Amino acid sequence: MGTTEAAVGGTHPGWSDDVFQALLELDVRQVAYVPDAGLVRLIEACRAQASMTAVPLTSEEEGVALLAGAWLGGQRGVLLMQGSGIGNCVNMLSLTRTCRFPLLIVVTMRGQAGETNPWQVPMGRIAAPVLDLAGVAVSQVIDEADAGKAVAEMGREVFSGPTAAAVLIAQKVIGVKEFEE
C-alpha cells in the first residue's frame, strides 16, 4: 500500500493570491516549480496567466539553472518549492553568486510544528540556516497576511541586486498535512 498526504486544518488561500499579485507586479515571466499540494493554488494561477511560462520540474535544482537561463534571456523568474527541496539545490545555489544572477524562491515549509511525516522534519528544522549559509537572504512568513508583501520586498531586492532570496511560508500558514499509509 502506498502513502498519501492529505491537507488538514483550515488554510487561508489568500496568501497564494497575494503572492501571485506580487509576482505580477515584479514582472515575473518564468515560474519553475516542483508540484506541491501547498502551492497548488499559486501554481494554477501562474499556469493560467498568459504572461507567465510555468515549467514543472523533476527536482528543485533544475529550477536554479532554468532561471539562470531565463535571466540571460531577459526574463525574471521565481522558483516555487516545498521546504524539503532546499536540500536538493544547495550545490546549485553557488551558481547565483558565481554568475551573479537573481534568484527568487518561494518555499512552502514542512517539518515544522504539527508535522506528521518524519521525512519532512530534518530539513524543516534547518532550512533557513542552510539557505543563509549558501548566501541566500531569507524572509520567514508566519502570518498569511505578510506573504505577498514579503515576496514583493524580496523580489525587489533580488532583481535590483542581483542576489538570491527565499521567502519561507510557515507550515501554519499553508496548513499541516496528515501523513497516512
C-alpha atoms as a PDB file:
ATOM      1  CA  MET A   1       0.000   0.000   0.000  1.00  0.00           C
ATOM      2  CA  GLY A   2       1.372   3.453  -0.944  1.00  0.00           C
ATOM      3  CA  THR A   3       1.371   6.587   1.101  1.00  0.00           C
ATOM      4  CA  THR A   4      -0.772   9.629   0.623  1.00  0.00           C
ATOM      5  CA  GLU A   5      -0.749  13.058   2.155  1.00  0.00           C
ATOM      6  CA  ALA A   6      -3.902  14.988   2.896  1.00  0.00           C
ATOM      7  CA  ALA A   7      -4.119  18.601   3.979  1.00  0.00           C
ATOM      8  CA  VAL A   8      -5.901  19.105   7.276  1.00  0.00           C
ATOM      9  CA  GLY A   9      -6.931  22.160   9.179  1.00  0.00           C
ATOM     10  CA  GLY A  10      -8.182  25.439   7.800  1.00  0.00           C
ATOM     11  CA  THR A  11      -5.838  27.137   5.385  1.00  0.00           C
ATOM     12  CA  HIS A  12      -6.495  30.576   4.027  1.00  0.00           C
ATOM     13  CA  PRO A  13      -5.905  30.677   0.267  1.00  0.00           C
ATOM     14  CA  GLY A  14      -5.431  34.447   0.364  1.00  0.00           C
ATOM     15  CA  TRP A  15      -1.681  34.186   0.815  1.00  0.00           C
ATOM     16  CA  SER A  16      -1.415  32.472  -2.596  1.00  0.00           C
ATOM     17  CA  ASP A  17      -3.392  35.252  -4.240  1.00  0.00           C
ATOM     18  CA  ASP A  18      -1.223  37.896  -2.560  1.00  0.00           C
ATOM     19  CA  VAL A  19       1.981  36.156  -3.674  1.00  0.00           C
ATOM     20  CA  PHE A  20       0.641  35.817  -7.228  1.00  0.00           C
ATOM     21  CA  GLN A  21      -0.166  39.531  -7.313  1.00  0.00           C
ATOM     22  CA  ALA A  22       3.354  40.339  -6.077  1.00  0.00           C
ATOM     23  CA  LEU A  23       4.834  38.154  -8.842  1.00  0.00           C
ATOM     24  CA  LEU A  24       2.766  40.015 -11.435  1.00  0.00           C
ATOM     25  CA  GLU A  25       3.920  43.369 -10.079  1.00  0.00           C
ATOM     26  CA  LEU A  26       7.539  42.170 -10.163  1.00  0.00           C
ATOM     27  CA  ASP A  27       7.058  41.266 -13.851  1.00  0.00           C
ATOM     28  CA  VAL A  28       7.943  37.612 -13.256  1.00  0.00           C
ATOM     29  CA  ARG A  29       7.679  35.717 -16.556  1.00  0.00           C
ATOM     30  CA  GLN A  30       9.198  32.299 -15.786  1.00  0.00           C
ATOM     31  CA  VAL A  31       7.829  30.116 -12.990  1.00  0.00           C
ATOM     32  CA  ALA A  32       9.799  26.981 -12.199  1.00  0.00           C
ATOM     33  CA  TYR A  33       8.076  24.648  -9.763  1.00  0.00           C
ATOM     34  CA  VAL A  34       8.051  21.207  -8.253  1.00  0.00           C
ATOM     35  CA  PRO A  35       4.404  20.163  -7.818  1.00  0.00           C
ATOM     36  CA  ASP A  36       3.308  20.501  -4.191  1.00  0.00           C
ATOM     37  CA  ALA A  37      -0.097  20.485  -2.501  1.00  0.00           C
ATOM     38  CA  GLY A  38       0.757  23.632  -0.538  1.00  0.00           C
ATOM     39  CA  LEU A  39       1.474  25.507  -3.767  1.00  0.00           C
ATOM     40  CA  VAL A  40      -1.441  24.228  -5.896  1.00  0.00           C
ATOM     41  CA  ARG A  41      -3.438  27.466  -5.953  1.00  0.00           C
ATOM     42  CA  LEU A  42      -0.355  29.592  -6.716  1.00  0.00           C
ATOM     43  CA  ILE A  43       0.873  27.208  -9.412  1.00  0.00           C
ATOM     44  CA  GLU A  44      -2.565  27.107 -11.052  1.00  0.00           C
ATOM     45  CA  ALA A  45      -2.716  30.920 -11.100  1.00  0.00           C
ATOM     46  CA  CYS A  46       0.739  31.106 -12.707  1.00  0.00           C
ATOM     47  CA  ARG A  47      -0.158  28.455 -15.282  1.00  0.00           C
ATOM     48  CA  ALA A  48      -3.326  30.352 -16.207  1.00  0.00           C
ATOM     49  CA  GLN A  49      -1.534  33.693 -16.590  1.00  0.00           C
ATOM     50  CA  ALA A  50      -0.736  34.386 -20.260  1.00  0.00           C
ATOM     51  CA  SER A  51       2.341  36.482 -19.427  1.00  0.00           C
ATOM     52  CA  MET A  52       3.942  33.657 -17.420  1.00  0.00           C
ATOM     53  CA  THR A  53       5.519  30.411 -18.534  1.00  0.00           C
ATOM     54  CA  ALA A  54       5.156  27.784 -15.813  1.00  0.00           C
ATOM     55  CA  VAL A  55       7.629  24.904 -16.040  1.00  0.00           C
ATOM     56  CA  PRO A  56       7.220  21.766 -13.902  1.00  0.00           C
ATOM     57  CA  LEU A  57      10.488  20.319 -12.653  1.00  0.00           C
ATOM     58  CA  THR A  58      11.525  16.845 -11.613  1.00  0.00           C
ATOM     59  CA  SER A  59      13.904  18.281  -8.992  1.00  0.00           C
ATOM     60  CA  GLU A  60      14.380  21.700  -7.444  1.00  0.00           C
ATOM     61  CA  GLU A  61      17.964  22.237  -8.591  1.00  0.00           C
ATOM     62  CA  GLU A  62      16.745  22.224 -12.195  1.00  0.00           C
ATOM     63  CA  GLY A  63      14.885  25.418 -11.343  1.00  0.00           C
ATOM     64  CA  VAL A  64      18.077  27.278 -10.460  1.00  0.00           C
ATOM     65  CA  ALA A  65      19.557  26.515 -13.883  1.00  0.00           C
ATOM     66  CA  LEU A  66      16.271  27.258 -15.661  1.00  0.00           C
ATOM     67  CA  LEU A  67      16.015  30.666 -14.005  1.00  0.00           C
ATOM     68  CA  ALA A  68      19.654  31.463 -14.836  1.00  0.00           C
ATOM     69  CA  GLY A  69      18.743  30.884 -18.464  1.00  0.00           C
ATOM     70  CA  ALA A  70      15.586  32.970 -18.125  1.00  0.00           C
ATOM     71  CA  TRP A  71      17.643  35.866 -16.754  1.00  0.00           C
ATOM     72  CA  LEU A  72      20.157  35.564 -19.583  1.00  0.00           C
ATOM     73  CA  GLY A  73      17.180  35.696 -21.951  1.00  0.00           C
ATOM     74  CA  GLY A  74      15.905  38.888 -20.326  1.00  0.00           C
ATOM     75  CA  GLN A  75      13.132  37.460 -18.160  1.00  0.00           C
ATOM     76  CA  ARG A  76      12.559  37.452 -14.425  1.00  0.00           C
ATOM     77  CA  GLY A  77      11.634  34.202 -12.743  1.00  0.00           C
ATOM     78  CA  VAL A  78      10.686  32.532  -9.498  1.00  0.00           C
ATOM     79  CA  LEU A  79      11.312  29.050  -8.120  1.00  0.00           C
ATOM     80  CA  LEU A  80       8.382  27.530  -6.201  1.00  0.00           C
ATOM     81  CA  MET A  81       9.067  24.540  -3.982  1.00  0.00           C
ATOM     82  CA  GLN A  82       8.421  22.736  -0.736  1.00  0.00           C
ATOM     83  CA  GLY A  83      10.905  23.151   2.114  1.00  0.00           C
ATOM     84  CA  SER A  84      12.419  19.690   1.740  1.00  0.00           C
ATOM     85  CA  GLY A  85      13.591  20.674  -1.747  1.00  0.00           C
ATOM     86  CA  ILE A  86      16.094  23.147  -0.319  1.00  0.00           C
ATOM     87  CA  GLY A  87      18.489  20.292   0.306  1.00  0.00           C
ATOM     88  CA  ASN A  88      18.257  19.288  -3.353  1.00  0.00           C
ATOM     89  CA  CYS A  89      19.547  22.615  -4.636  1.00  0.00           C
ATOM     90  CA  VAL A  90      22.308  23.547  -2.182  1.00  0.00           C
ATOM     91  CA  ASN A  91      25.110  22.948  -4.714  1.00  0.00           C
ATOM     92  CA  MET A  92      23.287  24.857  -7.440  1.00  0.00           C
ATOM     93  CA  LEU A  93      22.850  27.897  -5.199  1.00  0.00           C
ATOM     94  CA  SER A  94      26.551  28.656  -5.650  1.00  0.00           C
ATOM     95  CA  LEU A  95      25.725  29.365  -9.294  1.00  0.00           C
ATOM     96  CA  THR A  96      23.848  32.533  -8.288  1.00  0.00           C
ATOM     97  CA  ARG A  97      26.912  34.033  -6.613  1.00  0.00           C
ATOM     98  CA  THR A  98      29.400  32.887  -9.223  1.00  0.00           C
ATOM     99  CA  CYS A  99      27.334  34.017 -12.207  1.00  0.00           C
ATOM    100  CA  ARG A 100      25.676  36.988 -10.471  1.00  0.00           C
ATOM    101  CA  PHE A 101      22.088  36.424 -11.493  1.00  0.00           C
ATOM    102  CA  PRO A 102      18.953  36.978  -9.425  1.00  0.00           C
ATOM    103  CA  LEU A 103      17.106  34.074  -7.844  1.00  0.00           C
ATOM    104  CA  LEU A 104      13.762  34.470  -6.085  1.00  0.00           C
ATOM    105  CA  ILE A 105      12.495  31.378  -4.273  1.00  0.00           C
ATOM    106  CA  VAL A 106       9.088  30.890  -2.637  1.00  0.00           C
ATOM    107  CA  VAL A 107       9.076  27.929  -0.260  1.00  0.00           C
ATOM    108  CA  THR A 108       6.136  26.266   1.456  1.00  0.00           C
ATOM    109  CA  MET A 109       7.590  24.852   4.634  1.00  0.00           C
ATOM    110  CA  ARG A 110       7.168  21.390   6.049  1.00  0.00           C
ATOM    111  CA  GLY A 111       8.734  19.773   9.100  1.00  0.00           C
ATOM    112  CA  GLN A 112       7.574  22.472  11.465  1.00  0.00           C
ATOM    113  CA  ALA A 113       5.108  22.335  14.381  1.00  0.00           C
ATOM    114  CA  GLY A 114       2.428  19.718  13.802  1.00  0.00           C
ATOM    115  CA  GLU A 115       4.288  17.777  11.096  1.00  0.00           C
ATOM    116  CA  THR A 116       3.288  14.109  10.969  1.00  0.00           C
ATOM    117  CA  ASN A 117       5.664  12.986   8.215  1.00  0.00           C
ATOM    118  CA  PRO A 118       9.051  12.250   9.836  1.00  0.00           C
ATOM    119  CA  TRP A 119      10.851  12.632   6.478  1.00  0.00           C
ATOM    120  CA  GLN A 120       9.993  16.337   6.427  1.00  0.00           C
ATOM    121  CA  VAL A 121      11.323  17.232   9.887  1.00  0.00           C
ATOM    122  CA  PRO A 122      15.112  17.392   9.304  1.00  0.00           C
ATOM    123  CA  MET A 123      15.043  19.988   6.504  1.00  0.00           C
ATOM    124  CA  GLY A 124      12.161  21.812   8.151  1.00  0.00           C
ATOM    125  CA  ARG A 125      14.392  22.491  11.124  1.00  0.00           C
ATOM    126  CA  ILE A 126      17.454  23.649   9.164  1.00  0.00           C
ATOM    127  CA  ALA A 127      16.026  25.263   6.013  1.00  0.00           C
ATOM    128  CA  ALA A 128      16.681  28.893   6.974  1.00  0.00           C
ATOM    129  CA  PRO A 129      20.233  28.319   8.263  1.00  0.00           C
ATOM    130  CA  VAL A 130      21.124  26.243   5.181  1.00  0.00           C
ATOM    131  CA  LEU A 131      19.922  28.997   2.868  1.00  0.00           C
ATOM    132  CA  ASP A 132      21.752  31.616   4.921  1.00  0.00           C
ATOM    133  CA  LEU A 133      24.993  29.627   4.740  1.00  0.00           C
ATOM    134  CA  ALA A 134      24.532  29.377   0.956  1.00  0.00           C
ATOM    135  CA  GLY A 135      24.343  33.178   0.750  1.00  0.00           C
ATOM    136  CA  VAL A 136      20.584  33.350   0.204  1.00  0.00           C
ATOM    137  CA  ALA A 137      18.702  36.088   2.083  1.00  0.00           C
ATOM    138  CA  VAL A 138      15.742  34.647   3.988  1.00  0.00           C
ATOM    139  CA  SER A 139      12.372  36.102   4.926  1.00  0.00           C
ATOM    140  CA  GLN A 140      10.134  33.925   7.065  1.00  0.00           C
ATOM    141  CA  VAL A 141       6.363  34.395   6.819  1.00  0.00           C
ATOM    142  CA  ILE A 142       4.385  33.242   9.842  1.00  0.00           C
ATOM    143  CA  ASP A 143       1.240  35.290   9.164  1.00  0.00           C
ATOM    144  CA  GLU A 144      -0.614  34.727   5.885  1.00  0.00           C
ATOM    145  CA  ALA A 145      -1.256  38.463   5.533  1.00  0.00           C
ATOM    146  CA  ASP A 146       2.503  39.067   5.180  1.00  0.00           C
ATOM    147  CA  ALA A 147       3.177  36.622   2.309  1.00  0.00           C
ATOM    148  CA  GLY A 148       2.583  38.945  -0.635  1.00  0.00           C
ATOM    149  CA  LYS A 149       4.475  41.813   0.990  1.00  0.00           C
ATOM    150  CA  ALA A 150       7.452  39.562   1.751  1.00  0.00           C
ATOM    151  CA  VAL A 151       7.609  38.278  -1.840  1.00  0.00           C
ATOM    152  CA  ALA A 152       7.361  41.835  -3.184  1.00  0.00           C
ATOM    153  CA  GLU A 153      10.139  43.096  -0.885  1.00  0.00           C
ATOM    154  CA  MET A 154      12.477  40.187  -1.517  1.00  0.00           C
ATOM    155  CA  GLY A 155      11.717  40.306  -5.244  1.00  0.00           C
ATOM    156  CA  ARG A 156      12.702  43.968  -5.456  1.00  0.00           C
ATOM    157  CA  GLU A 157      15.928  43.160  -3.604  1.00  0.00           C
ATOM    158  CA  VAL A 158      16.673  40.173  -5.836  1.00  0.00           C
ATOM    159  CA  PHE A 159      16.017  41.858  -9.166  1.00  0.00           C
ATOM    160  CA  SER A 160      17.840  45.079  -8.292  1.00  0.00           C
ATOM    161  CA  GLY A 161      20.832  43.162  -6.845  1.00  0.00           C
ATOM    162  CA  PRO A 162      21.225  40.763  -8.440  1.00  0.00           C
ATOM    163  CA  THR A 163      21.171  38.457  -5.463  1.00  0.00           C
ATOM    164  CA  ALA A 164      19.340  35.396  -4.153  1.00  0.00           C
ATOM    165  CA  ALA A 165      16.494  35.426  -1.652  1.00  0.00           C
ATOM    166  CA  ALA A 166      13.939  32.973  -0.341  1.00  0.00           C
ATOM    167  CA  VAL A 167      10.558  33.579   1.246  1.00  0.00           C
ATOM    168  CA  LEU A 168       9.732  30.719   3.603  1.00  0.00           C
ATOM    169  CA  ILE A 169       5.990  30.405   4.173  1.00  0.00           C
ATOM    170  CA  ALA A 170       5.433  28.684   7.510  1.00  0.00           C
ATOM    171  CA  GLN A 171       3.597  25.407   7.742  1.00  0.00           C
ATOM    172  CA  LYS A 172       0.951  27.018   9.946  1.00  0.00           C
ATOM    173  CA  VAL A 173       0.085  29.313   7.012  1.00  0.00           C
ATOM    174  CA  ILE A 174      -0.289  26.543   4.412  1.00  0.00           C
ATOM    175  CA  GLY A 175      -1.813  24.046   6.828  1.00  0.00           C
ATOM    176  CA  VAL A 176      -0.497  20.883   8.378  1.00  0.00           C
ATOM    177  CA  LYS A 177      -0.654  17.779   6.218  1.00  0.00           C
ATOM    178  CA  GLU A 178      -1.555  14.427   7.647  1.00  0.00           C
ATOM    179  CA  PHE A 179       0.659  11.528   6.587  1.00  0.00           C
ATOM    180  CA  GLU A 180      -1.295   8.331   6.009  1.00  0.00           C
ATOM    181  CA  GLU A 181      -0.337   4.844   4.919  1.00  0.00           C
END
